[in-house]
Amino acid sequence: MIKLVVLDLDGTLLDPSGLIDPYTCTVLEKITRDGVVITIATGRPFQRTLLPLRENQVYPGSTFPQFLICEERDIYELQSGEYYPQLENSELHSQEVKLLPISHQLLSRLTEIAPSLEFAVNNSYSQQTRGFLELYFVTRTEAEEAVRILVDLSRATPLKVVRNGRNVCLRAKSSGKGEALVRLARMMKLELSEIVAVGDSHNDLAMLTCGVRPATTANADEEIRAAVARQGGYVAAASHSRGVGEILKHLVCL
């Protein structure tokens, strides 16, 4: 029996318009009434995660999502209508900030190896408040090339490389949607087999391959569709938000 559903936000639960499909909203409401816990797992910081929830009239006032995983690291729990951070969020953030000098060393090496790559970097305020270095590329092809180089450069470091579309982040190996999902499952005393996770991009791969029941939508990256299929997971015929509704109907509304 599925007890927890973990959903990526951008490119998955949200349509390109930023809205949640009405059918999918109906399914989410139904499974919540049936006792299934809904979690959003996103790379967005906390306040920017709330924006689409407000736009879709999910927050404030709804009983879901009961948990948020923000920055692919920090867990927030819905209590009396508001989201409250878990105590360990601050420590995990501090651990990442301490690794920023290594991230800058890798960035310097990247520019030496591939000087023609065109990208912007989040500023020092963003690096300190969010805890990590993020690169914004002009094209996805360049982002993928940077990932190949940075993966090789980071092998002997405490960092890992995570791509989401045209954005590439250097993150602590202790961070990530997969790691946060496992922490949440431990907190809720759930088996991973009792969890459905849905995502569409490279930064969702860890949570889709950590032992949960994986699923993805038709618009997902090819590597994600292939990874889900290899594990016997569900690949929806529909894209984005409607695809999430299809997945939930197939895997949860039994």
C-alpha atoms as a PDB file:
ATOM      1  CA  MET A   1       0.000   0.000   0.000  1.00  0.00           C
ATOM      2  CA  ILE A   2       1.307   3.456  -0.938  1.00  0.00           C
ATOM      3  CA  LYS A   3       1.534   5.790   2.061  1.00  0.00           C
ATOM      4  CA  LEU A   4       3.678   8.637   0.711  1.00  0.00           C
ATOM      5  CA  VAL A   5       3.805  10.369  -2.687  1.00  0.00           C
ATOM      6  CA  VAL A   6       6.782  12.622  -3.468  1.00  0.00           C
ATOM      7  CA  LEU A   7       6.391  14.986  -6.424  1.00  0.00           C
ATOM      8  CA  ASP A   8       8.877  17.187  -8.224  1.00  0.00           C
ATOM      9  CA  LEU A   9       7.420  20.644  -8.831  1.00  0.00           C
ATOM     10  CA  ASP A  10       8.686  22.365 -12.005  1.00  0.00           C
ATOM     11  CA  GLY A  11       8.231  20.266 -15.130  1.00  0.00           C
ATOM     12  CA  THR A  12       6.261  17.637 -13.216  1.00  0.00           C
ATOM     13  CA  LEU A  13       3.403  18.749 -10.948  1.00  0.00           C
ATOM     14  CA  LEU A  14       3.274  22.177 -12.609  1.00  0.00           C
ATOM     15  CA  ASP A  15       2.320  22.715 -16.231  1.00  0.00           C
ATOM     16  CA  PRO A  16       4.501  25.176 -18.213  1.00  0.00           C
ATOM     17  CA  SER A  17       1.873  27.788 -17.299  1.00  0.00           C
ATOM     18  CA  GLY A  18       2.681  27.262 -13.617  1.00  0.00           C
ATOM     19  CA  LEU A  19      -0.721  25.730 -12.927  1.00  0.00           C
ATOM     20  CA  ILE A  20      -1.706  22.305 -11.613  1.00  0.00           C
ATOM     21  CA  ASP A  21      -4.103  20.418 -13.875  1.00  0.00           C
ATOM     22  CA  PRO A  22      -7.637  20.409 -12.360  1.00  0.00           C
ATOM     23  CA  TYR A  23      -7.912  16.631 -12.771  1.00  0.00           C
ATOM     24  CA  THR A  24      -4.643  16.164 -10.898  1.00  0.00           C
ATOM     25  CA  CYS A  25      -5.846  18.466  -8.103  1.00  0.00           C
ATOM     26  CA  THR A  26      -8.939  16.294  -7.755  1.00  0.00           C
ATOM     27  CA  VAL A  27      -6.838  13.130  -7.521  1.00  0.00           C
ATOM     28  CA  LEU A  28      -4.513  14.728  -4.951  1.00  0.00           C
ATOM     29  CA  GLU A  29      -7.486  15.736  -2.823  1.00  0.00           C
ATOM     30  CA  LYS A  30      -8.894  12.205  -3.019  1.00  0.00           C
ATOM     31  CA  ILE A  31      -5.734  10.374  -2.024  1.00  0.00           C
ATOM     32  CA  THR A  32      -5.134  12.867   0.794  1.00  0.00           C
ATOM     33  CA  ARG A  33      -8.591  12.070   2.172  1.00  0.00           C
ATOM     34  CA  ASP A  34      -7.654   8.389   1.892  1.00  0.00           C
ATOM     35  CA  GLY A  35      -4.660   8.985   4.172  1.00  0.00           C
ATOM     36  CA  VAL A  36      -1.813   9.272   1.658  1.00  0.00           C
ATOM     37  CA  VAL A  37       0.810  11.893   2.556  1.00  0.00           C
ATOM     38  CA  ILE A  38       1.850  14.290  -0.233  1.00  0.00           C
ATOM     39  CA  THR A  39       5.326  15.823  -0.384  1.00  0.00           C
ATOM     40  CA  ILE A  40       6.761  18.370  -2.829  1.00  0.00           C
ATOM     41  CA  ALA A  41      10.473  17.868  -3.585  1.00  0.00           C
ATOM     42  CA  THR A  42      12.042  20.840  -5.343  1.00  0.00           C
ATOM     43  CA  GLY A  43      15.264  22.718  -5.866  1.00  0.00           C
ATOM     44  CA  ARG A  44      13.468  25.971  -5.140  1.00  0.00           C
ATOM     45  CA  PRO A  45      14.133  27.775  -1.857  1.00  0.00           C
ATOM     46  CA  PHE A  46      11.297  27.737   0.657  1.00  0.00           C
ATOM     47  CA  GLN A  47       9.643  31.079  -0.126  1.00  0.00           C
ATOM     48  CA  ARG A  48       9.740  30.463  -3.896  1.00  0.00           C
ATOM     49  CA  THR A  49       8.188  27.042  -3.329  1.00  0.00           C
ATOM     50  CA  LEU A  50       5.158  28.679  -1.738  1.00  0.00           C
ATOM     51  CA  LEU A  51       4.499  30.927  -4.770  1.00  0.00           C
ATOM     52  CA  PRO A  52       2.955  28.282  -7.070  1.00  0.00           C
ATOM     53  CA  LEU A  53       1.118  26.758  -4.112  1.00  0.00           C
ATOM     54  CA  ARG A  54      -0.505  30.141  -3.530  1.00  0.00           C
ATOM     55  CA  GLU A  55      -1.211  30.640  -7.238  1.00  0.00           C
ATOM     56  CA  ASN A  56      -2.941  27.253  -7.349  1.00  0.00           C
ATOM     57  CA  GLN A  57      -4.846  27.987  -4.118  1.00  0.00           C
ATOM     58  CA  VAL A  58      -3.201  25.036  -2.384  1.00  0.00           C
ATOM     59  CA  TYR A  59      -1.574  27.208   0.298  1.00  0.00           C
ATOM     60  CA  PRO A  60      -2.805  28.449   2.643  1.00  0.00           C
ATOM     61  CA  GLY A  61      -5.875  26.452   3.523  1.00  0.00           C
ATOM     62  CA  SER A  62      -5.284  23.009   2.028  1.00  0.00           C
ATOM     63  CA  THR A  63      -4.398  19.839   3.915  1.00  0.00           C
ATOM     64  CA  PHE A  64      -1.656  18.998   1.385  1.00  0.00           C
ATOM     65  CA  PRO A  65       1.214  18.890   0.698  1.00  0.00           C
ATOM     66  CA  GLN A  66       1.970  17.811   4.246  1.00  0.00           C
ATOM     67  CA  PHE A  67       5.734  18.110   3.678  1.00  0.00           C
ATOM     68  CA  LEU A  68       8.018  20.221   1.511  1.00  0.00           C
ATOM     69  CA  ILE A  69      11.563  19.308   0.538  1.00  0.00           C
ATOM     70  CA  CYS A  70      13.170  22.599  -0.554  1.00  0.00           C
ATOM     71  CA  GLU A  71      16.668  23.263  -1.931  1.00  0.00           C
ATOM     72  CA  GLU A  72      16.757  19.461  -2.490  1.00  0.00           C
ATOM     73  CA  ARG A  73      17.781  19.342   1.178  1.00  0.00           C
ATOM     74  CA  ASP A  74      15.535  21.083   3.725  1.00  0.00           C
ATOM     75  CA  ILE A  75      12.359  19.458   5.087  1.00  0.00           C
ATOM     76  CA  TYR A  76       9.338  21.499   6.196  1.00  0.00           C
ATOM     77  CA  GLU A  77       6.214  20.051   7.821  1.00  0.00           C
ATOM     78  CA  LEU A  78       2.672  21.430   7.625  1.00  0.00           C
ATOM     79  CA  GLN A  79       1.360  22.113  11.132  1.00  0.00           C
ATOM     80  CA  SER A  80      -1.812  24.110  11.836  1.00  0.00           C
ATOM     81  CA  GLY A  81      -1.782  25.540   8.332  1.00  0.00           C
ATOM     82  CA  GLU A  82       1.858  26.695   8.251  1.00  0.00           C
ATOM     83  CA  TYR A  83       5.138  25.047   7.264  1.00  0.00           C
ATOM     84  CA  TYR A  84       7.806  24.649   9.940  1.00  0.00           C
ATOM     85  CA  PRO A  85      11.444  23.660   9.300  1.00  0.00           C
ATOM     86  CA  GLN A  86      13.018  20.535  10.710  1.00  0.00           C
ATOM     87  CA  LEU A  87      15.780  21.252  13.224  1.00  0.00           C
ATOM     88  CA  GLU A  88      18.458  19.587  11.093  1.00  0.00           C
ATOM     89  CA  ASN A  89      17.909  22.003   8.182  1.00  0.00           C
ATOM     90  CA  SER A  90      20.309  24.589   9.633  1.00  0.00           C
ATOM     91  CA  GLU A  91      23.101  22.074  10.177  1.00  0.00           C
ATOM     92  CA  LEU A  92      22.768  20.661   6.663  1.00  0.00           C
ATOM     93  CA  HIS A  93      22.908  24.193   5.242  1.00  0.00           C
ATOM     94  CA  SER A  94      26.036  24.991   7.278  1.00  0.00           C
ATOM     95  CA  GLN A  95      27.737  21.836   6.023  1.00  0.00           C
ATOM     96  CA  GLU A  96      27.178  22.908   2.422  1.00  0.00           C
ATOM     97  CA  VAL A  97      28.382  26.481   2.973  1.00  0.00           C
ATOM     98  CA  LYS A  98      31.708  25.116   4.256  1.00  0.00           C
ATOM     99  CA  LEU A  99      32.231  23.428   0.875  1.00  0.00           C
ATOM    100  CA  LEU A 100      31.890  26.619  -1.195  1.00  0.00           C
ATOM    101  CA  PRO A 101      35.685  27.138  -1.503  1.00  0.00           C
ATOM    102  CA  ILE A 102      35.973  23.714  -3.159  1.00  0.00           C
ATOM    103  CA  SER A 103      33.112  24.617  -5.498  1.00  0.00           C
ATOM    104  CA  HIS A 104      34.979  27.750  -6.581  1.00  0.00           C
ATOM    105  CA  GLN A 105      38.111  25.713  -7.264  1.00  0.00           C
ATOM    106  CA  LEU A 106      36.111  23.396  -9.514  1.00  0.00           C
ATOM    107  CA  LEU A 107      34.550  26.394 -11.259  1.00  0.00           C
ATOM    108  CA  SER A 108      38.013  27.781 -12.023  1.00  0.00           C
ATOM    109  CA  ARG A 109      39.090  24.445 -13.473  1.00  0.00           C
ATOM    110  CA  LEU A 110      35.930  24.299 -15.602  1.00  0.00           C
ATOM    111  CA  THR A 111      36.685  27.680 -17.180  1.00  0.00           C
ATOM    112  CA  GLU A 112      40.258  26.564 -17.898  1.00  0.00           C
ATOM    113  CA  ILE A 113      39.168  23.316 -19.553  1.00  0.00           C
ATOM    114  CA  ALA A 114      36.186  24.717 -21.484  1.00  0.00           C
ATOM    115  CA  PRO A 115      36.660  28.504 -21.864  1.00  0.00           C
ATOM    116  CA  SER A 116      33.980  28.760 -24.566  1.00  0.00           C
ATOM    117  CA  LEU A 117      31.141  27.629 -22.300  1.00  0.00           C
ATOM    118  CA  GLU A 118      28.774  30.545 -21.664  1.00  0.00           C
ATOM    119  CA  PHE A 119      27.114  30.728 -18.243  1.00  0.00           C
ATOM    120  CA  ALA A 120      26.256  32.940 -15.283  1.00  0.00           C
ATOM    121  CA  VAL A 121      26.864  32.158 -11.599  1.00  0.00           C
ATOM    122  CA  ASN A 122      24.635  32.880  -8.606  1.00  0.00           C
ATOM    123  CA  ASN A 123      26.022  35.748  -6.542  1.00  0.00           C
ATOM    124  CA  SER A 124      27.684  35.523  -3.140  1.00  0.00           C
ATOM    125  CA  TYR A 125      24.445  36.340  -1.287  1.00  0.00           C
ATOM    126  CA  SER A 126      22.666  33.460  -3.008  1.00  0.00           C
ATOM    127  CA  GLN A 127      25.597  31.140  -2.392  1.00  0.00           C
ATOM    128  CA  GLN A 128      25.624  31.907   1.330  1.00  0.00           C
ATOM    129  CA  THR A 129      21.859  31.836   1.890  1.00  0.00           C
ATOM    130  CA  ARG A 130      21.211  28.754  -0.240  1.00  0.00           C
ATOM    131  CA  GLY A 131      24.506  27.051   0.541  1.00  0.00           C
ATOM    132  CA  PHE A 132      25.808  26.143  -2.906  1.00  0.00           C
ATOM    133  CA  LEU A 133      27.171  27.280  -6.267  1.00  0.00           C
ATOM    134  CA  GLU A 134      24.777  27.271  -9.231  1.00  0.00           C
ATOM    135  CA  LEU A 135      25.646  27.810 -12.895  1.00  0.00           C
ATOM    136  CA  TYR A 136      23.062  29.026 -15.427  1.00  0.00           C
ATOM    137  CA  PHE A 137      23.831  27.990 -19.006  1.00  0.00           C
ATOM    138  CA  VAL A 138      22.501  29.432 -22.264  1.00  0.00           C
ATOM    139  CA  THR A 139      21.762  26.008 -23.734  1.00  0.00           C
ATOM    140  CA  ARG A 140      21.058  22.591 -22.299  1.00  0.00           C
ATOM    141  CA  THR A 141      23.807  21.127 -24.498  1.00  0.00           C
ATOM    142  CA  GLU A 142      26.379  23.346 -22.790  1.00  0.00           C
ATOM    143  CA  ALA A 143      24.967  22.442 -19.387  1.00  0.00           C
ATOM    144  CA  GLU A 144      25.364  18.743 -20.204  1.00  0.00           C
ATOM    145  CA  GLU A 145      28.950  19.322 -21.357  1.00  0.00           C
ATOM    146  CA  ALA A 146      29.718  21.129 -18.100  1.00  0.00           C
ATOM    147  CA  VAL A 147      28.235  18.227 -16.134  1.00  0.00           C
ATOM    148  CA  ARG A 148      30.550  15.758 -17.890  1.00  0.00           C
ATOM    149  CA  ILE A 149      33.590  17.869 -17.026  1.00  0.00           C
ATOM    150  CA  LEU A 150      32.551  18.660 -13.453  1.00  0.00           C
ATOM    151  CA  VAL A 151      31.671  15.047 -12.650  1.00  0.00           C
ATOM    152  CA  ASP A 152      35.252  14.090 -13.495  1.00  0.00           C
ATOM    153  CA  LEU A 153      36.731  17.030 -11.564  1.00  0.00           C
ATOM    154  CA  SER A 154      34.635  16.392  -8.447  1.00  0.00           C
ATOM    155  CA  ARG A 155      35.337  12.661  -8.041  1.00  0.00           C
ATOM    156  CA  ALA A 156      37.835  13.095  -5.198  1.00  0.00           C
ATOM    157  CA  THR A 157      35.851  15.843  -3.444  1.00  0.00           C
ATOM    158  CA  PRO A 158      32.846  15.866  -1.069  1.00  0.00           C
ATOM    159  CA  LEU A 159      30.791  17.443  -3.870  1.00  0.00           C
ATOM    160  CA  LYS A 160      28.476  16.068  -6.536  1.00  0.00           C
ATOM    161  CA  VAL A 161      27.092  17.598  -9.728  1.00  0.00           C
ATOM    162  CA  VAL A 162      23.340  17.996 -10.231  1.00  0.00           C
ATOM    163  CA  ARG A 163      21.648  19.305 -13.395  1.00  0.00           C
ATOM    164  CA  ASN A 164      18.106  20.616 -13.717  1.00  0.00           C
ATOM    165  CA  GLY A 165      17.433  21.696 -17.291  1.00  0.00           C
ATOM    166  CA  ARG A 166      20.052  24.360 -18.125  1.00  0.00           C
ATOM    167  CA  ASN A 167      21.101  24.861 -14.494  1.00  0.00           C
ATOM    168  CA  VAL A 168      24.007  22.985 -12.909  1.00  0.00           C
ATOM    169  CA  CYS A 169      24.689  22.909  -9.159  1.00  0.00           C
ATOM    170  CA  LEU A 170      27.664  21.762  -7.113  1.00  0.00           C
ATOM    171  CA  ARG A 171      26.164  20.162  -4.016  1.00  0.00           C
ATOM    172  CA  ALA A 172      27.350  18.318  -0.941  1.00  0.00           C
ATOM    173  CA  LYS A 173      27.086  14.571  -1.391  1.00  0.00           C
ATOM    174  CA  SER A 174      24.860  14.542   1.707  1.00  0.00           C
ATOM    175  CA  SER A 175      22.310  16.756  -0.087  1.00  0.00           C
ATOM    176  CA  GLY A 176      19.827  15.832  -2.812  1.00  0.00           C
ATOM    177  CA  LYS A 177      16.234  14.781  -3.259  1.00  0.00           C
ATOM    178  CA  GLY A 178      17.090  11.115  -2.756  1.00  0.00           C
ATOM    179  CA  GLU A 179      18.893  11.745   0.512  1.00  0.00           C
ATOM    180  CA  ALA A 180      16.114  14.015   1.779  1.00  0.00           C
ATOM    181  CA  LEU A 181      13.452  11.483   0.801  1.00  0.00           C
ATOM    182  CA  VAL A 182      15.243   8.730   2.727  1.00  0.00           C
ATOM    183  CA  ARG A 183      15.456  11.010   5.782  1.00  0.00           C
ATOM    184  CA  LEU A 184      11.740  11.755   5.523  1.00  0.00           C
ATOM    185  CA  ALA A 185      10.903   8.057   5.180  1.00  0.00           C
ATOM    186  CA  ARG A 186      12.963   7.307   8.284  1.00  0.00           C
ATOM    187  CA  MET A 187      11.206  10.105  10.166  1.00  0.00           C
ATOM    188  CA  MET A 188       7.794   8.733   9.147  1.00  0.00           C
ATOM    189  CA  LYS A 189       8.902   5.125   9.803  1.00  0.00           C
ATOM    190  CA  LEU A 190       8.025   4.086   6.248  1.00  0.00           C
ATOM    191  CA  GLU A 191       9.527   1.450   4.001  1.00  0.00           C
ATOM    192  CA  LEU A 192      10.779   2.825   0.684  1.00  0.00           C
ATOM    193  CA  SER A 193       8.469   0.367  -1.079  1.00  0.00           C
ATOM    194  CA  GLU A 194       5.535   2.316   0.415  1.00  0.00           C
ATOM    195  CA  ILE A 195       6.563   5.474  -1.459  1.00  0.00           C
ATOM    196  CA  VAL A 196       5.863   6.677  -5.009  1.00  0.00           C
ATOM    197  CA  ALA A 197       8.268   9.321  -6.353  1.00  0.00           C
ATOM    198  CA  VAL A 198       7.716  11.301  -9.554  1.00  0.00           C
ATOM    199  CA  GLY A 199      10.292  13.478 -11.344  1.00  0.00           C
ATOM    200  CA  ASP A 200      11.389  14.561 -14.803  1.00  0.00           C
ATOM    201  CA  SER A 201      15.026  15.706 -14.748  1.00  0.00           C
ATOM    202  CA  HIS A 202      18.586  14.732 -13.792  1.00  0.00           C
ATOM    203  CA  ASN A 203      18.208  16.192 -10.301  1.00  0.00           C
ATOM    204  CA  ASP A 204      15.328  13.756  -9.669  1.00  0.00           C
ATOM    205  CA  LEU A 205      17.366  10.669 -10.535  1.00  0.00           C
ATOM    206  CA  ALA A 206      18.573   9.951  -6.991  1.00  0.00           C
ATOM    207  CA  MET A 207      15.064   9.911  -5.526  1.00  0.00           C
ATOM    208  CA  LEU A 208      13.782   7.767  -8.395  1.00  0.00           C
ATOM    209  CA  THR A 209      16.491   5.131  -7.871  1.00  0.00           C
ATOM    210  CA  CYS A 210      16.691   4.905  -4.056  1.00  0.00           C
ATOM    211  CA  GLY A 211      14.283   1.987  -3.681  1.00  0.00           C
ATOM    212  CA  VAL A 212      10.916   3.719  -4.017  1.00  0.00           C
ATOM    213  CA  ARG A 213       8.308   3.023  -6.697  1.00  0.00           C
ATOM    214  CA  PRO A 214       9.453   5.420  -9.444  1.00  0.00           C
ATOM    215  CA  ALA A 215       7.322   7.148 -12.052  1.00  0.00           C
ATOM    216  CA  THR A 216       7.728   9.908 -14.601  1.00  0.00           C
ATOM    217  CA  THR A 217       5.808  11.938 -17.153  1.00  0.00           C
ATOM    218  CA  ALA A 218       5.980  11.950 -20.960  1.00  0.00           C
ATOM    219  CA  ASN A 219       7.925  15.233 -21.040  1.00  0.00           C
ATOM    220  CA  ALA A 220      10.755  13.888 -18.843  1.00  0.00           C
ATOM    221  CA  ASP A 221      14.377  13.748 -19.950  1.00  0.00           C
ATOM    222  CA  GLU A 222      15.186  10.606 -21.901  1.00  0.00           C
ATOM    223  CA  GLU A 223      17.588   9.402 -19.196  1.00  0.00           C
ATOM    224  CA  ILE A 224      14.811   9.680 -16.603  1.00  0.00           C
ATOM    225  CA  ARG A 225      12.264   7.788 -18.702  1.00  0.00           C
ATOM    226  CA  ALA A 226      14.874   5.087 -19.315  1.00  0.00           C
ATOM    227  CA  ALA A 227      15.840   4.852 -15.628  1.00  0.00           C
ATOM    228  CA  VAL A 228      12.212   4.524 -14.548  1.00  0.00           C
ATOM    229  CA  ALA A 229      11.500   1.906 -17.214  1.00  0.00           C
ATOM    230  CA  ARG A 230      14.567  -0.150 -16.199  1.00  0.00           C
ATOM    231  CA  GLN A 231      13.200  -0.402 -12.662  1.00  0.00           C
ATOM    232  CA  GLY A 232       9.755  -1.426 -13.814  1.00  0.00           C
ATOM    233  CA  GLY A 233       8.320   1.968 -12.895  1.00  0.00           C
ATOM    234  CA  TYR A 234       5.457   3.811 -14.549  1.00  0.00           C
ATOM    235  CA  VAL A 235       6.018   6.151 -17.514  1.00  0.00           C
ATOM    236  CA  ALA A 236       2.885   8.220 -18.118  1.00  0.00           C
ATOM    237  CA  ALA A 237       1.466   8.827 -21.568  1.00  0.00           C
ATOM    238  CA  ALA A 238       0.559  12.384 -20.539  1.00  0.00           C
ATOM    239  CA  SER A 239       2.977  15.240 -19.848  1.00  0.00           C
ATOM    240  CA  HIS A 240       3.553  17.498 -16.865  1.00  0.00           C
ATOM    241  CA  SER A 241       0.689  17.912 -14.407  1.00  0.00           C
ATOM    242  CA  ARG A 242      -1.807  15.738 -16.277  1.00  0.00           C
ATOM    243  CA  GLY A 243       0.807  12.991 -16.314  1.00  0.00           C
ATOM    244  CA  VAL A 244       1.034  13.200 -12.528  1.00  0.00           C
ATOM    245  CA  GLY A 245      -2.715  12.667 -12.293  1.00  0.00           C
ATOM    246  CA  GLU A 246      -2.391   9.633 -14.562  1.00  0.00           C
ATOM    247  CA  ILE A 247       0.403   8.216 -12.403  1.00  0.00           C
ATOM    248  CA  LEU A 248      -1.513   8.691  -9.160  1.00  0.00           C
ATOM    249  CA  LYS A 249      -4.638   7.127 -10.637  1.00  0.00           C
ATOM    250  CA  HIS A 250      -2.618   4.112 -11.796  1.00  0.00           C
ATOM    251  CA  LEU A 251      -0.340   3.588  -8.767  1.00  0.00           C
ATOM    252  CA  VAL A 252      -2.205   5.018  -5.777  1.00  0.00           C
ATOM    253  CA  CYS A 253      -5.964   4.994  -6.472  1.00  0.00           C
ATOM    254  CA  LEU A 254      -6.242   1.218  -6.380  1.00  0.00           C
END
